[in-house]
Amino acid sequence: MKSLSKTLAIAWGSALLVTTVAPSWAQSTTEMLKTAETACIDHAADDGYDPNLAQVVSSRAIDSDKVEVVLNLTKDGQNFDRLTCPFSASTGIGNFVGGATEAVKAPGLGRLWWLLLPLLGLPLLLAALRGRDRAVTGAVTPVDNIVHTEGYVNTNGSPLDVREHPNGEARILRSLPNGEHVRLTGRHDNDWVELTGGGWVPSYYLRYSDNLSRRA
């Protein structure tokens, strides 16, 4: 009976000790983590990092004396270093571990960066389309400030091919016999002129008349 009473007394005492010490241990661990985080950020500030932009990634108690704090730190607000700070309640802060610059987004962008893609891509698409149009039609300018509106095919007998675009590699739309009268839009691209019925021909295969021309 005495042995049973002694056993119950020991069990009761152990339970009382656990309920008393556990909250105290939890409280001291939380306080130590906060102390470690603050000390690590202050130490990073001494190394030139901006303490206002410091981000605590994680912190954990290794034992009753040591804490490991992982931080995202930046000096310029754009490039971030992920550093591990070893903290000891008895000896203080050890050397930071890590330091490789990560491709971390600038604070504030987060996952919204993809919303900028349409704004960036649209001007590029428009520029590409304008470049393609210029490659097809060319820079249309009048020659010597004179715009010819009519002329005659002058090939010394051979038919004159009418091209879809102002270059010799473009598709042939039709052919014109030597001496045929043609009407022109007034559009020029280097040595090519545009016909009112569509298509382009080399200007040096046409004969113009002064009374069928006008000043640009």
Foldseek 3Di string as FASTA:
>chain_A
DVVVVVVVVVVVVVVVVCVVVVVVLVVLQVVVQVVQVVLVLVVVVVVQWDSVPKDWPDKDAPDSFKIKTWIWTDNPQQWTWIWIWIAGNVPGTDDIPGGPTDRDGRPPCPPVPVVCVVVVVVVVVVVVVVVVVCVFANDWDADPQKFFFKWFFAPPFDWFFFFQGPDPVGDTPDTHTGGDIFTFPRTDHVQWTATPVHGITGVVRTGGDPVRMDGD
